[in-house]
């Protein structure tokens, strides 16, 4: 049975990310889109263009109760495997989605009109384009405002909803925003989630670990510690903070500050996110 409030996950598909040819931009952007709605990522995963690995990652996602965004590999070139892997992970067939076919045809008609040429549906390249609308049976459409070529969503046996969007940020990000606002507005908690932290100068994490553990044990928050050894302004320091609901964060952060002051450490600026 699905949990009341599902967690959010992200799968990024592409050899180009693992090889370093391209730098991933999806992880920070998806985290930003979620944070703006009082939500957060629970996990993220990068998978290369390997059918067995993609299928395994999707099978695991479908078996969960999470909401998962999968970016990349839904095109119709030989190195695009995500649509086929989604079907394999679900144990269903692939089929041309009627609405996807209509949208793809409309896109082809638009291109022909822009070029001032007649639309030729039987031309081999146009016939091939319909493959971009071949989705696992039972999939739902995710609209693409950039060029009309849709993504798709599937539900797994564990209750997970996995949403498949292109790897191109200009397409993927508006599609993810649409999903968050159209399908998950009921989960949004604007201004309900907060992070508060303080710069702790010259301290060692090991010496502060007991304080961090006591804060987590006595407050409904997560404590985080981000050490740095060569910051241009603060030098060696730790950004120490708490994150969670606004009410819990306020009390926990005051307890954290009190604990730090009792230890005589030097404190720098306080940060709120």
Protein backbone atom coordinates (compact mmCIF):
# COMPACT_ATOMS: atom_id res chain seq x y z
CA UNK A 1 0.00 0.00 0.00
CA UNK A 2 1.32 3.49 -0.87
CA UNK A 3 2.51 5.74 1.90
CA UNK A 4 0.44 8.85 2.55
CA UNK A 5 3.27 11.14 1.49
CA UNK A 6 5.49 9.47 -1.13
CA UNK A 7 9.16 10.32 -1.44
CA UNK A 8 10.67 11.75 -4.61
CA UNK A 9 13.43 10.13 -6.64
CA UNK A 10 15.37 10.98 -9.78
CA UNK A 11 16.92 8.72 -12.43
CA UNK A 12 19.24 10.31 -14.98
CA UNK A 13 20.01 8.19 -18.04
CA UNK A 14 22.98 8.68 -20.35
CA UNK A 15 26.54 7.55 -21.04
CA UNK A 16 27.45 11.19 -21.65
CA UNK A 17 26.99 11.98 -17.96
CA UNK A 18 29.10 9.06 -16.76
CA UNK A 19 31.84 9.76 -19.31
CA UNK A 20 32.01 13.43 -18.38
CA UNK A 21 31.14 14.63 -21.89
CA UNK A 22 28.20 16.49 -20.40
CA UNK A 23 27.66 17.78 -16.89
CA UNK A 24 24.37 16.84 -15.30
CA UNK A 25 22.05 19.76 -14.65
CA UNK A 26 18.93 17.83 -13.71
CA UNK A 27 19.82 17.01 -10.09
CA UNK A 28 20.23 20.60 -8.85
CA UNK A 29 17.25 21.82 -10.89
CA UNK A 30 14.86 19.11 -9.74
CA UNK A 31 15.97 19.71 -6.16
CA UNK A 32 15.25 23.42 -6.69
CA UNK A 33 11.80 22.77 -8.20
CA UNK A 34 10.89 20.51 -5.29
CA UNK A 35 12.26 22.89 -2.64
CA UNK A 36 10.17 25.74 -4.06
CA UNK A 37 7.13 23.61 -3.26
CA UNK A 38 8.20 22.51 0.20
CA UNK A 39 9.35 19.11 -1.08
CA UNK A 40 12.72 17.38 -1.39
CA UNK A 41 14.56 14.60 -3.19
CA UNK A 42 15.02 11.39 -1.24
CA UNK A 43 17.42 9.81 -3.74
CA UNK A 44 18.99 10.15 -7.19
CA UNK A 45 20.70 7.72 -9.53
CA UNK A 46 22.70 8.00 -12.77
CA UNK A 47 22.58 5.08 -15.21
CA UNK A 48 24.41 4.66 -18.51
CA UNK A 49 22.87 3.62 -21.81
CA UNK A 50 22.76 -0.06 -20.92
CA UNK A 51 19.42 -1.85 -21.20
CA UNK A 52 20.02 -4.30 -18.37
CA UNK A 53 21.04 -1.55 -15.92
CA UNK A 54 18.24 0.80 -16.94
CA UNK A 55 15.68 -2.00 -16.64
CA UNK A 56 17.00 -2.96 -13.20
CA UNK A 57 16.87 0.65 -11.99
CA UNK A 58 13.31 1.07 -13.27
CA UNK A 59 12.16 -2.25 -11.86
CA UNK A 60 13.40 -1.12 -8.45
CA UNK A 61 11.66 2.24 -8.84
CA UNK A 62 8.37 0.63 -9.90
CA UNK A 63 8.49 -1.69 -6.88
CA UNK A 64 8.66 1.30 -4.50
CA UNK A 65 5.98 3.75 -3.42
CA UNK A 66 7.95 6.77 -4.66
CA UNK A 67 7.32 9.46 -7.23
CA UNK A 68 10.23 9.18 -9.68
CA UNK A 69 11.33 11.44 -12.51
CA UNK A 70 13.41 9.73 -15.20
CA UNK A 71 15.33 12.04 -17.53
CA UNK A 72 16.76 10.90 -20.85
CA UNK A 73 16.74 8.09 -23.36
CA UNK A 74 13.12 8.34 -24.57
CA UNK A 75 13.99 9.29 -28.15
CA UNK A 76 14.00 6.96 -31.16
CA UNK A 77 17.71 6.62 -31.96
CA UNK A 78 19.71 3.40 -31.39
CA UNK A 79 21.18 4.66 -28.10
CA UNK A 80 17.74 5.48 -26.63
CA UNK A 81 16.55 2.54 -24.53
CA UNK A 82 14.38 3.98 -21.77
CA UNK A 83 10.98 3.32 -23.35
CA UNK A 84 11.86 -0.32 -24.02
CA UNK A 85 13.34 -0.73 -20.53
CA UNK A 86 10.24 0.73 -18.89
CA UNK A 87 8.07 -1.85 -20.68
CA UNK A 88 10.46 -4.65 -19.72
CA UNK A 89 10.52 -3.52 -16.08
CA UNK A 90 6.71 -3.55 -15.98
CA UNK A 91 6.34 -6.76 -17.97
CA UNK A 92 4.09 -5.16 -20.60
CA UNK A 93 4.21 -4.61 -24.36
CA UNK A 94 5.05 -1.42 -26.21
CA UNK A 95 2.43 0.23 -28.40
CA UNK A 96 1.94 3.52 -30.22
CA UNK A 97 -0.06 5.76 -27.88
CA UNK A 98 -2.95 7.36 -29.83
CA UNK A 99 -2.59 10.78 -28.22
CA UNK A 100 1.18 10.69 -28.66
CA UNK A 101 0.69 9.84 -32.35
CA UNK A 102 -1.66 12.82 -32.75
CA UNK A 103 0.81 15.18 -31.07
CA UNK A 104 3.75 13.89 -33.11
CA UNK A 105 1.78 14.30 -36.33
CA UNK A 106 0.83 17.83 -35.33
CA UNK A 107 4.49 18.60 -34.73
CA UNK A 108 5.42 17.25 -38.16
CA UNK A 109 2.66 19.30 -39.78
CA UNK A 110 3.92 22.40 -37.98
CA UNK A 111 7.47 21.81 -39.23
CA UNK A 112 6.26 21.30 -42.80
CA UNK A 113 4.23 24.52 -42.61
CA UNK A 114 7.23 26.43 -41.24
CA UNK A 115 9.35 25.14 -44.13
CA UNK A 116 6.65 25.89 -46.70
CA UNK A 117 6.46 22.27 -47.91
CA UNK A 118 3.58 19.77 -47.92
CA UNK A 119 3.30 17.30 -45.06
CA UNK A 120 4.28 13.82 -46.31
CA UNK A 121 3.17 11.26 -43.69
CA UNK A 122 4.59 8.30 -45.63
CA UNK A 123 8.10 9.75 -45.92
CA UNK A 124 10.48 7.34 -44.09
CA UNK A 125 11.80 9.92 -41.61
CA UNK A 126 8.25 10.96 -40.71
CA UNK A 127 7.18 7.35 -40.23
CA UNK A 128 10.19 6.81 -37.96
CA UNK A 129 9.22 9.80 -35.79
CA UNK A 130 6.12 7.97 -34.60
CA UNK A 131 8.46 5.66 -32.65
CA UNK A 132 8.82 8.50 -30.13
CA UNK A 133 5.20 7.82 -29.17
CA UNK A 134 5.63 4.09 -28.64
CA UNK A 135 5.16 3.70 -24.88
CA UNK A 136 4.47 0.86 -22.45
CA UNK A 137 0.83 -0.20 -22.66
CA UNK A 138 -1.19 1.72 -20.08
CA UNK A 139 1.10 4.77 -20.04
CA UNK A 140 -0.30 8.28 -19.65
CA UNK A 141 0.91 11.34 -21.55
CA UNK A 142 3.18 14.03 -20.09
CA UNK A 143 2.77 17.15 -22.29
CA UNK A 144 5.84 18.82 -23.72
CA UNK A 145 5.33 22.57 -24.20
CA UNK A 146 8.60 22.96 -26.12
CA UNK A 147 7.89 20.87 -29.22
CA UNK A 148 4.74 18.81 -28.46
CA UNK A 149 6.62 15.46 -28.46
CA UNK A 150 5.27 14.01 -25.20
CA UNK A 151 6.81 12.11 -22.36
CA UNK A 152 4.88 9.47 -20.45
CA UNK A 153 4.02 8.20 -16.99
CA UNK A 154 3.59 4.65 -15.71
CA UNK A 155 2.48 3.23 -12.38
CA UNK A 156 4.25 0.27 -10.83
CA UNK A 157 2.86 -2.61 -8.76
CA UNK A 158 4.19 -1.02 -5.59
CA UNK A 159 2.27 2.18 -6.28
CA UNK A 160 5.22 4.14 -7.63
CA UNK A 161 4.58 6.71 -10.32
CA UNK A 162 7.52 7.00 -12.71
CA UNK A 163 7.47 9.94 -15.09
CA UNK A 164 9.65 9.84 -18.20
CA UNK A 165 10.86 13.07 -19.79
CA UNK A 166 13.57 13.92 -22.35
CA UNK A 167 17.15 14.55 -21.37
CA UNK A 168 17.06 18.10 -22.75
CA UNK A 169 16.60 20.54 -19.84
CA UNK A 170 14.58 22.97 -21.97
CA UNK A 171 11.97 20.23 -22.33
CA UNK A 172 12.41 18.21 -19.14
CA UNK A 173 12.15 21.00 -16.58
CA UNK A 174 8.81 22.50 -17.71
CA UNK A 175 7.42 18.97 -17.94
CA UNK A 176 8.50 18.18 -14.38
CA UNK A 177 7.02 21.48 -13.18
CA UNK A 178 3.73 20.56 -14.86
CA UNK A 179 3.73 17.18 -13.12
CA UNK A 180 4.44 18.75 -9.73
CA UNK A 181 1.70 21.34 -10.07
CA UNK A 182 -0.93 19.24 -11.86
CA UNK A 183 -0.52 15.87 -10.15
CA UNK A 184 1.18 16.62 -6.85
CA UNK A 185 -0.22 19.97 -5.76
CA UNK A 186 -1.79 18.19 -2.79
CA UNK A 187 1.69 17.27 -1.50
CA UNK A 188 3.11 20.76 -1.73
CA UNK A 189 3.94 22.51 1.51
CA UNK A 190 5.05 26.00 0.56
CA UNK A 191 7.01 27.63 3.37
CA UNK A 192 6.63 24.49 5.50
CA UNK A 193 10.19 23.22 5.00
CA UNK A 194 13.25 25.12 6.15
CA UNK A 195 16.99 24.83 6.64
CA UNK A 196 18.87 26.88 9.22
CA UNK A 197 22.60 26.66 9.68
CA UNK A 198 25.57 28.45 11.13
CA UNK A 199 29.22 28.65 10.14
CA UNK A 200 31.38 27.07 12.83
CA UNK A 201 34.97 28.26 12.56
CA UNK A 202 37.90 25.91 12.97
CA UNK A 203 35.99 23.09 14.67
CA UNK A 204 36.30 19.36 14.10
CA UNK A 205 33.25 17.26 13.18
CA UNK A 206 34.21 14.49 15.62
CA UNK A 207 34.05 16.92 18.54
CA UNK A 208 30.58 18.10 17.50
CA UNK A 209 29.08 14.69 16.69
CA UNK A 210 27.60 14.12 20.18
CA UNK A 211 25.79 17.47 19.93
CA UNK A 212 24.44 16.59 16.48
CA UNK A 213 23.20 13.22 17.73
CA UNK A 214 21.48 14.79 20.72
CA UNK A 215 19.70 17.36 18.53
CA UNK A 216 18.36 14.65 16.21
CA UNK A 217 17.31 12.51 19.18
CA UNK A 218 15.33 15.30 20.84
CA UNK A 219 13.88 17.15 17.82
CA UNK A 220 12.00 16.04 14.69
CA UNK A 221 14.67 17.36 12.31
CA UNK A 222 17.66 16.19 10.33
CA UNK A 223 21.06 17.58 11.29
CA UNK A 224 23.58 18.21 8.52
CA UNK A 225 27.28 18.98 8.59
CA UNK A 226 29.15 20.39 5.57
CA UNK A 227 32.88 20.71 6.30
CA UNK A 228 35.27 22.79 4.21
CA UNK A 229 39.05 23.05 4.47
CA UNK A 230 39.86 25.83 2.00
CA UNK A 231 36.97 28.29 1.83
CA UNK A 232 38.20 31.69 0.52
CA UNK A 233 36.40 33.60 3.30
CA UNK A 234 36.06 31.25 6.28
CA UNK A 235 39.03 28.94 5.77
CA UNK A 236 38.58 25.62 7.57
CA UNK A 237 35.04 25.54 8.88
CA UNK A 238 31.83 23.54 9.17
CA UNK A 239 28.39 24.65 8.06
CA UNK A 240 26.29 22.99 10.75
CA UNK A 241 22.53 23.08 10.60
CA UNK A 242 19.11 21.49 10.85
CA UNK A 243 16.32 20.97 8.32
CA UNK A 244 12.68 20.03 8.62
CA UNK A 245 9.33 21.68 9.31
CA UNK A 246 9.51 25.35 10.21
CA UNK A 247 8.30 24.90 13.78
CA UNK A 248 10.66 22.03 14.55
CA UNK A 249 13.61 23.76 12.90
CA UNK A 250 13.25 26.90 15.02
CA UNK A 251 13.46 25.02 18.32
CA UNK A 252 16.18 22.65 17.15
CA UNK A 253 18.35 25.45 15.79
CA UNK A 254 18.18 27.37 19.05
CA UNK A 255 19.22 24.20 20.87
CA UNK A 256 22.06 23.75 18.40
CA UNK A 257 23.31 27.30 18.92
CA UNK A 258 23.13 26.90 22.69
CA UNK A 259 25.12 23.70 22.49
CA UNK A 260 27.76 25.29 20.29
CA UNK A 261 28.12 28.31 22.57
CA UNK A 262 28.49 26.08 25.60
CA UNK A 263 31.44 24.46 23.84
CA UNK A 264 33.11 27.81 23.27
CA UNK A 265 33.43 27.47 19.50
CA UNK A 266 33.69 30.49 17.25
CA UNK A 267 30.52 31.10 15.26
CA UNK A 268 30.19 32.89 11.94
CA UNK A 269 27.13 33.94 9.94
CA UNK A 270 23.77 32.20 10.24
CA UNK A 271 22.03 31.00 7.07
CA UNK A 272 18.35 30.36 6.31
CA UNK A 273 17.10 28.51 3.22
